[in-house]
N, C-alpha and C. Protein backbone atom coordinates (compact mmCIF):
# COMPACT_ATOMS: atom_id res chain seq x y z
N MET A 1 -19.11 16.33 -13.18
CA MET A 1 -18.45 15.37 -12.98
C MET A 1 -18.58 15.01 -11.79
N GLU A 2 -19.07 13.94 -10.81
CA GLU A 2 -19.15 13.68 -9.51
C GLU A 2 -18.18 12.61 -9.31
N GLU A 3 -17.14 12.64 -8.05
CA GLU A 3 -16.18 11.48 -7.76
C GLU A 3 -16.42 11.10 -6.30
N ILE A 4 -16.22 9.94 -5.91
CA ILE A 4 -16.45 10.04 -4.29
C ILE A 4 -15.37 8.99 -4.02
N SER A 5 -14.50 8.97 -3.14
CA SER A 5 -13.21 8.73 -2.67
C SER A 5 -13.00 8.26 -0.98
N SER A 6 -12.52 7.42 -0.70
CA SER A 6 -12.51 7.14 0.62
C SER A 6 -11.02 7.30 1.61
N GLY A 7 -10.76 7.32 2.43
CA GLY A 7 -9.54 6.96 2.88
C GLY A 7 -9.42 6.73 4.40
N GLY A 8 -8.41 6.93 5.27
CA GLY A 8 -8.33 6.68 6.59
C GLY A 8 -7.17 7.68 7.40
N VAL A 9 -7.46 7.79 8.75
CA VAL A 9 -6.65 8.19 9.51
C VAL A 9 -6.31 7.29 10.14
N VAL A 10 -5.02 6.33 10.25
CA VAL A 10 -4.61 4.99 10.48
C VAL A 10 -3.97 5.37 11.90
N VAL A 11 -4.27 4.87 13.02
CA VAL A 11 -3.50 5.39 14.38
C VAL A 11 -2.58 4.12 14.68
N PHE A 12 -1.80 3.72 15.29
CA PHE A 12 -0.74 3.37 15.97
C PHE A 12 -0.12 3.96 16.98
N GLY A 13 -1.03 3.69 18.78
CA GLY A 13 -0.25 4.57 19.91
C GLY A 13 -0.76 6.11 19.32
N ASN A 14 0.51 6.79 19.56
CA ASN A 14 0.50 8.71 19.68
C ASN A 14 0.80 8.90 17.87
N THR A 15 0.91 7.66 17.19
CA THR A 15 1.54 8.15 15.52
C THR A 15 0.23 7.92 14.94
N ILE A 16 0.17 8.50 13.65
CA ILE A 16 -0.75 8.38 11.99
C ILE A 16 0.07 8.51 11.07
N LEU A 17 -0.62 7.34 10.25
CA LEU A 17 0.58 7.01 8.99
C LEU A 17 -0.24 8.38 7.77
N LEU A 18 1.46 8.30 7.46
CA LEU A 18 0.90 9.40 6.27
C LEU A 18 1.74 8.89 5.19
N LEU A 19 1.49 9.29 4.18
CA LEU A 19 2.33 8.62 2.93
C LEU A 19 3.15 9.96 1.70
N LYS A 20 3.77 9.81 1.45
CA LYS A 20 5.02 10.69 0.83
C LYS A 20 4.95 10.57 -0.36
N LYS A 21 4.13 11.34 -1.18
CA LYS A 21 3.88 11.44 -2.78
C LYS A 21 5.40 12.10 -3.81
N TYR A 22 6.06 11.58 -4.82
CA TYR A 22 7.06 11.84 -5.68
C TYR A 22 7.21 13.48 -5.48
N ASN A 23 6.20 14.28 -5.69
CA ASN A 23 6.20 15.45 -5.27
C ASN A 23 7.13 16.22 -3.93
N GLY A 24 7.12 15.17 -2.87
CA GLY A 24 7.13 15.52 -1.79
C GLY A 24 6.33 15.96 -0.56
N ASP A 25 4.90 15.68 -1.14
CA ASP A 25 3.88 16.76 -0.04
C ASP A 25 3.74 14.69 0.72
N TRP A 26 3.28 14.98 1.72
CA TRP A 26 2.69 14.55 3.27
C TRP A 26 1.16 14.19 2.64
N VAL A 27 0.80 13.21 2.45
CA VAL A 27 -0.89 13.06 2.43
C VAL A 27 -1.16 11.91 3.21
N LEU A 28 -2.63 11.86 3.78
CA LEU A 28 -2.93 10.34 3.97
C LEU A 28 -3.53 9.28 2.87
N PRO A 29 -3.33 8.17 3.20
CA PRO A 29 -4.11 7.51 2.14
C PRO A 29 -5.54 7.45 2.30
N LYS A 30 -5.93 7.76 0.61
CA LYS A 30 -7.32 7.62 0.12
C LYS A 30 -7.32 7.25 -0.88
N GLY A 31 -8.42 6.88 -1.96
CA GLY A 31 -8.15 6.73 -3.45
C GLY A 31 -9.88 6.72 -3.59
N ARG A 32 -10.24 6.71 -5.12
CA ARG A 32 -11.57 6.26 -5.65
C ARG A 32 -12.37 4.85 -5.35
N LEU A 33 -13.54 4.75 -5.05
CA LEU A 33 -14.65 3.89 -4.69
C LEU A 33 -14.38 2.79 -5.74
N GLU A 34 -14.21 1.59 -6.19
CA GLU A 34 -14.47 0.62 -7.30
C GLU A 34 -15.71 0.12 -7.39
N LYS A 35 -16.08 0.13 -9.02
CA LYS A 35 -17.70 -0.27 -9.00
C LYS A 35 -18.06 -1.16 -7.56
N GLY A 36 -19.38 -0.71 -7.50
CA GLY A 36 -19.78 -1.85 -6.14
C GLY A 36 -19.67 -1.66 -4.89
N GLU A 37 -18.49 -1.09 -5.16
CA GLU A 37 -17.62 -0.74 -3.24
C GLU A 37 -18.81 -0.36 -2.57
N ASN A 38 -18.60 0.06 -1.07
CA ASN A 38 -18.92 0.89 -0.55
C ASN A 38 -17.89 1.15 0.18
N ILE A 39 -18.11 2.69 0.79
CA ILE A 39 -16.63 3.66 1.10
C ILE A 39 -16.01 2.74 2.38
N LYS A 40 -16.65 2.21 3.09
CA LYS A 40 -16.14 1.53 4.32
C LYS A 40 -15.16 0.59 3.55
N LYS A 41 -15.28 -0.21 3.09
CA LYS A 41 -14.54 -1.23 2.24
C LYS A 41 -13.62 -0.96 1.09
N ALA A 42 -13.91 0.53 0.21
CA ALA A 42 -12.80 1.32 -0.09
C ALA A 42 -11.78 2.11 0.75
N ALA A 43 -12.38 2.37 2.20
CA ALA A 43 -11.12 3.13 2.66
C ALA A 43 -10.24 1.84 3.13
N LEU A 44 -10.41 0.94 3.60
CA LEU A 44 -9.82 -0.58 3.83
C LEU A 44 -9.02 -1.01 2.70
N ARG A 45 -9.22 -0.70 1.49
CA ARG A 45 -8.18 -1.14 0.43
C ARG A 45 -7.62 -0.02 0.21
N GLU A 46 -7.81 0.68 -0.36
CA GLU A 46 -7.15 1.97 -0.27
C GLU A 46 -5.74 2.07 0.46
N VAL A 47 -5.90 2.33 1.87
CA VAL A 47 -5.27 2.06 3.33
C VAL A 47 -4.05 1.14 3.26
N LEU A 48 -4.65 0.05 2.33
CA LEU A 48 -3.64 -1.14 2.28
C LEU A 48 -3.19 -1.41 1.29
N GLU A 49 -3.73 -1.07 -0.20
CA GLU A 49 -3.20 -0.96 -1.64
C GLU A 49 -2.16 0.41 -1.23
N GLU A 50 -2.14 1.60 -0.85
CA GLU A 50 -0.99 2.97 -0.76
C GLU A 50 -0.20 2.62 0.25
N SER A 51 -0.07 1.63 1.46
CA SER A 51 0.53 1.23 2.66
C SER A 51 1.02 -0.04 2.61
N GLY A 52 0.71 -1.03 2.41
CA GLY A 52 0.21 -2.09 2.81
C GLY A 52 -0.01 -2.31 4.36
N VAL A 53 -0.64 -1.26 4.44
CA VAL A 53 -0.82 -1.79 6.23
C VAL A 53 -2.76 -2.38 6.45
N LYS A 54 -2.69 -2.77 7.13
CA LYS A 54 -4.13 -3.80 7.08
C LYS A 54 -4.93 -3.18 8.34
N GLY A 55 -5.31 -2.24 7.51
CA GLY A 55 -6.41 -1.38 9.22
C GLY A 55 -7.18 -1.54 9.48
N GLU A 56 -8.07 -1.36 10.57
CA GLU A 56 -8.95 -1.65 11.26
C GLU A 56 -10.22 -0.53 11.29
N ILE A 57 -11.48 -0.31 11.05
CA ILE A 57 -11.79 0.75 11.44
C ILE A 57 -12.58 0.75 12.87
N ILE A 58 -12.49 1.86 13.77
CA ILE A 58 -12.63 2.44 14.48
C ILE A 58 -14.35 3.53 14.61
N ASP A 59 -14.31 4.22 13.36
CA ASP A 59 -15.50 4.95 13.74
C ASP A 59 -15.46 6.10 12.39
N TYR A 60 -16.31 6.62 11.69
CA TYR A 60 -16.52 7.98 10.67
C TYR A 60 -15.97 8.72 11.39
N ILE A 61 -15.26 10.03 10.82
CA ILE A 61 -14.53 11.08 11.10
C ILE A 61 -15.45 11.98 10.60
N GLY A 62 -15.64 11.85 8.83
CA GLY A 62 -16.57 12.95 8.40
C GLY A 62 -15.83 12.72 6.93
N SER A 63 -16.95 13.91 6.34
CA SER A 63 -16.37 14.13 4.82
C SER A 63 -16.09 15.39 4.67
N VAL A 64 -15.56 15.13 3.90
CA VAL A 64 -14.96 16.68 2.66
C VAL A 64 -15.60 16.82 1.76
N HIS A 65 -15.65 17.83 1.25
CA HIS A 65 -16.01 18.39 -0.64
C HIS A 65 -15.14 19.07 -0.64
N TYR A 66 -14.91 19.05 -2.04
CA TYR A 66 -14.36 20.53 -2.53
C TYR A 66 -14.37 19.98 -4.78
N ASN A 67 -14.02 20.43 -4.98
CA ASN A 67 -14.31 21.05 -6.61
C ASN A 67 -13.12 21.20 -6.97
N TYR A 68 -12.57 20.12 -7.80
CA TYR A 68 -11.21 20.56 -8.61
C TYR A 68 -11.17 20.89 -10.49
N LYS A 69 -10.25 20.92 -10.92
CA LYS A 69 -10.58 20.86 -12.46
C LYS A 69 -9.42 19.93 -13.04
N ASN A 70 -10.12 19.30 -13.78
CA ASN A 70 -9.41 17.52 -14.61
C ASN A 70 -9.02 17.80 -15.55
N LEU A 71 -7.69 17.82 -15.71
CA LEU A 71 -6.64 19.08 -16.87
C LEU A 71 -6.96 17.94 -18.26
N LYS A 72 -6.93 16.61 -17.55
CA LYS A 72 -7.10 15.66 -18.54
C LYS A 72 -8.46 15.47 -19.32
N GLU A 73 -9.00 15.73 -18.93
CA GLU A 73 -11.01 15.66 -19.40
C GLU A 73 -11.32 16.93 -19.67
N ASP A 74 -10.71 17.87 -19.21
CA ASP A 74 -10.93 19.66 -19.49
C ASP A 74 -12.56 19.85 -18.30
N GLU A 75 -12.68 19.30 -17.40
CA GLU A 75 -14.11 19.91 -17.09
C GLU A 75 -13.95 19.68 -15.29
N MET A 76 -14.70 19.87 -14.72
CA MET A 76 -14.65 20.62 -13.40
C MET A 76 -15.34 19.03 -12.54
N VAL A 77 -14.72 18.73 -11.54
CA VAL A 77 -15.15 17.34 -10.91
C VAL A 77 -15.67 17.91 -9.87
N SER A 78 -16.31 17.31 -8.77
CA SER A 78 -17.24 17.60 -7.54
C SER A 78 -16.89 16.56 -6.40
N LYS A 79 -16.04 16.82 -6.28
CA LYS A 79 -15.36 15.36 -5.09
C LYS A 79 -16.05 15.40 -3.60
N THR A 80 -16.02 14.48 -2.70
CA THR A 80 -16.16 13.69 -1.80
C THR A 80 -15.48 12.78 -1.44
N VAL A 81 -14.79 13.11 -0.18
CA VAL A 81 -13.75 12.25 0.05
C VAL A 81 -14.20 11.86 1.53
N HIS A 82 -14.79 10.52 1.95
CA HIS A 82 -15.52 10.37 3.17
C HIS A 82 -14.07 9.94 3.88
N TRP A 83 -13.63 9.75 5.46
CA TRP A 83 -12.84 9.48 6.13
C TRP A 83 -13.05 8.95 7.03
N TYR A 84 -12.83 7.64 7.74
CA TYR A 84 -12.57 6.75 8.53
C TYR A 84 -11.46 6.60 9.37
N LEU A 85 -11.90 6.84 10.80
CA LEU A 85 -10.55 6.67 11.93
C LEU A 85 -9.93 4.99 12.21
N MET A 86 -9.00 4.74 11.89
CA MET A 86 -8.71 3.30 11.87
C MET A 86 -7.55 3.03 12.84
N LYS A 87 -7.24 1.84 13.23
CA LYS A 87 -5.82 1.31 14.32
C LYS A 87 -5.11 0.22 13.51
N SER A 88 -4.11 0.07 13.77
CA SER A 88 -2.41 -0.91 13.41
C SER A 88 -2.46 -1.59 14.08
N ASN A 89 -2.08 -2.39 13.84
CA ASN A 89 -1.35 -3.31 15.00
C ASN A 89 -0.04 -3.65 15.00
N THR A 90 0.52 -2.67 13.70
CA THR A 90 1.91 -2.51 13.20
C THR A 90 2.54 -1.15 13.06
N MET A 91 3.65 -0.85 13.27
CA MET A 91 4.14 0.08 12.49
C MET A 91 4.99 0.10 11.23
N ASP A 92 4.67 -1.39 11.10
CA ASP A 92 5.03 -1.63 9.40
C ASP A 92 4.45 -1.37 8.62
N CYS A 93 5.14 -0.41 7.50
CA CYS A 93 4.07 0.03 6.29
C CYS A 93 5.33 0.17 4.99
N ILE A 94 4.93 -0.10 3.96
CA ILE A 94 5.61 0.18 2.87
C ILE A 94 5.06 0.42 1.77
N PRO A 95 5.88 2.00 1.34
CA PRO A 95 4.91 2.94 -0.02
C PRO A 95 4.85 2.19 -0.92
N GLN A 96 3.87 2.36 -1.35
CA GLN A 96 3.77 1.72 -3.03
C GLN A 96 3.97 2.21 -4.04
N LYS A 97 5.12 2.24 -4.75
CA LYS A 97 5.73 3.33 -6.12
C LYS A 97 4.79 3.29 -6.55
N LYS A 98 4.12 2.11 -6.98
CA LYS A 98 2.99 1.91 -8.02
C LYS A 98 1.77 2.72 -7.93
N GLU A 99 1.68 3.12 -6.55
CA GLU A 99 0.30 4.28 -6.56
C GLU A 99 0.96 5.47 -6.27
N GLY A 100 2.44 5.81 -6.33
CA GLY A 100 2.33 7.55 -6.65
C GLY A 100 3.44 7.91 -5.37
N PHE A 101 3.49 6.77 -3.87
CA PHE A 101 4.27 7.56 -3.62
C PHE A 101 5.47 6.61 -2.89
N ILE A 102 6.70 7.57 -2.17
CA ILE A 102 8.38 7.25 -2.15
C ILE A 102 8.43 6.96 -0.61
N ASP A 103 7.61 7.37 0.37
CA ASP A 103 7.79 6.99 1.97
C ASP A 103 6.33 6.75 2.46
N ALA A 104 6.76 5.79 3.06
CA ALA A 104 4.97 5.85 3.85
C ALA A 104 5.78 5.29 5.54
N MET A 105 5.60 6.17 6.94
CA MET A 105 5.40 6.53 8.12
C MET A 105 4.59 6.11 8.97
N PHE A 106 5.11 6.21 10.39
CA PHE A 106 3.89 6.34 11.32
C PHE A 106 4.64 8.15 11.94
N VAL A 107 3.98 9.00 11.69
CA VAL A 107 4.53 10.08 12.45
C VAL A 107 3.64 10.86 13.77
N HIS A 108 4.13 11.14 14.89
CA HIS A 108 3.71 11.35 15.58
C HIS A 108 2.45 12.57 15.44
N LYS A 109 1.36 12.48 16.25
CA LYS A 109 0.14 12.55 15.77
C LYS A 109 0.38 14.55 15.67
N GLU A 110 0.96 15.16 16.35
CA GLU A 110 1.29 16.77 16.48
C GLU A 110 1.89 17.03 15.20
N LYS A 111 2.96 16.17 15.47
CA LYS A 111 3.59 16.28 13.90
C LYS A 111 2.92 16.13 12.39
N ALA A 112 2.35 14.92 12.69
CA ALA A 112 1.60 14.52 11.36
C ALA A 112 0.82 15.76 11.04
N LYS A 113 -0.39 16.45 11.92
CA LYS A 113 -1.21 17.55 11.34
C LYS A 113 -0.41 18.74 10.75
N ASP A 114 0.94 18.73 11.22
CA ASP A 114 1.95 19.98 10.44
C ASP A 114 2.33 19.76 9.53
N LEU A 115 2.77 18.12 9.25
CA LEU A 115 3.78 17.77 7.94
C LEU A 115 2.41 17.54 7.14
N VAL A 116 0.99 17.41 6.84
CA VAL A 116 -0.06 17.34 5.48
C VAL A 116 0.29 18.46 4.89
N ARG A 117 -0.16 17.97 3.55
CA ARG A 117 0.12 19.56 2.62
C ARG A 117 -1.03 20.17 2.32
N TYR A 118 -2.47 19.30 2.81
CA TYR A 118 -3.72 19.82 2.65
C TYR A 118 -4.43 19.93 4.06
N ALA A 119 -5.06 21.90 3.55
CA ALA A 119 -5.97 21.81 5.02
C ALA A 119 -7.15 20.68 5.35
N ASP A 120 -7.93 20.28 4.88
CA ASP A 120 -9.10 19.36 4.46
C ASP A 120 -8.21 18.22 5.61
N GLU A 121 -7.23 18.08 5.33
CA GLU A 121 -6.48 16.83 6.33
C GLU A 121 -6.13 17.05 7.36
N ARG A 122 -5.31 18.08 7.26
CA ARG A 122 -5.49 18.47 8.64
C ARG A 122 -6.50 18.64 9.58
N LYS A 123 -7.58 19.52 9.11
CA LYS A 123 -8.48 18.79 9.81
C LYS A 123 -9.02 17.78 10.24
N ILE A 124 -9.00 16.85 8.95
CA ILE A 124 -9.91 15.04 9.76
C ILE A 124 -8.45 15.12 10.42
N ILE A 125 -7.63 14.89 10.34
CA ILE A 125 -6.85 14.81 11.15
C ILE A 125 -6.94 15.05 12.80
N LEU A 126 -7.05 15.86 13.02
CA LEU A 126 -7.75 16.73 14.06
C LEU A 126 -8.92 16.48 15.01
N LYS A 127 -9.55 16.30 14.00
CA LYS A 127 -10.55 15.85 14.55
C LYS A 127 -10.49 13.89 14.78
N GLY A 128 -9.90 13.17 13.96
CA GLY A 128 -9.20 11.78 14.25
C GLY A 128 -8.91 11.59 15.94
N ILE A 129 -7.83 12.54 15.77
CA ILE A 129 -7.44 13.06 17.27
C ILE A 129 -8.29 12.86 18.48
N GLU A 130 -9.07 13.85 17.93
CA GLU A 130 -10.18 13.81 19.20
C GLU A 130 -11.43 13.34 19.21
N LEU A 131 -11.44 12.59 18.74
CA LEU A 131 -12.51 10.89 18.43
C LEU A 131 -11.59 9.85 19.25
N ILE A 132 -9.96 9.68 19.28
CA ILE A 132 -9.37 8.95 20.26
C ILE A 132 -9.23 9.07 21.68
N LYS A 133 -9.36 10.12 21.90
CA LYS A 133 -8.84 10.72 23.38
C LYS A 133 -10.39 10.26 24.21
């Protein structure tokens, strides 16, 4: 099974938006494309849905590919996540509990790369920081 998702590295000044999941992991906002949706629109929608932040796309960062086992369906999933660098005009954010998040905040970019749970998201943050310079 193939799955395509899209997300954002959202910046405000020297800070990056992170979301805290119920299990304590800090992650970047992302999610699956809806039917008929392109990756840009999906990235903007997911950032808004998960954090309440209205992002503005600056640049395309790149994509990450990985495989995982969907335990519910008992099948392997080949997943590609497309990442966009975005800016926000405000630091106001609200974690969307119905989306599985208990906290949302803008964290200094150097701390953000250390806080995120997954190595691929750490690499995407570093690429995003390079694009800002």
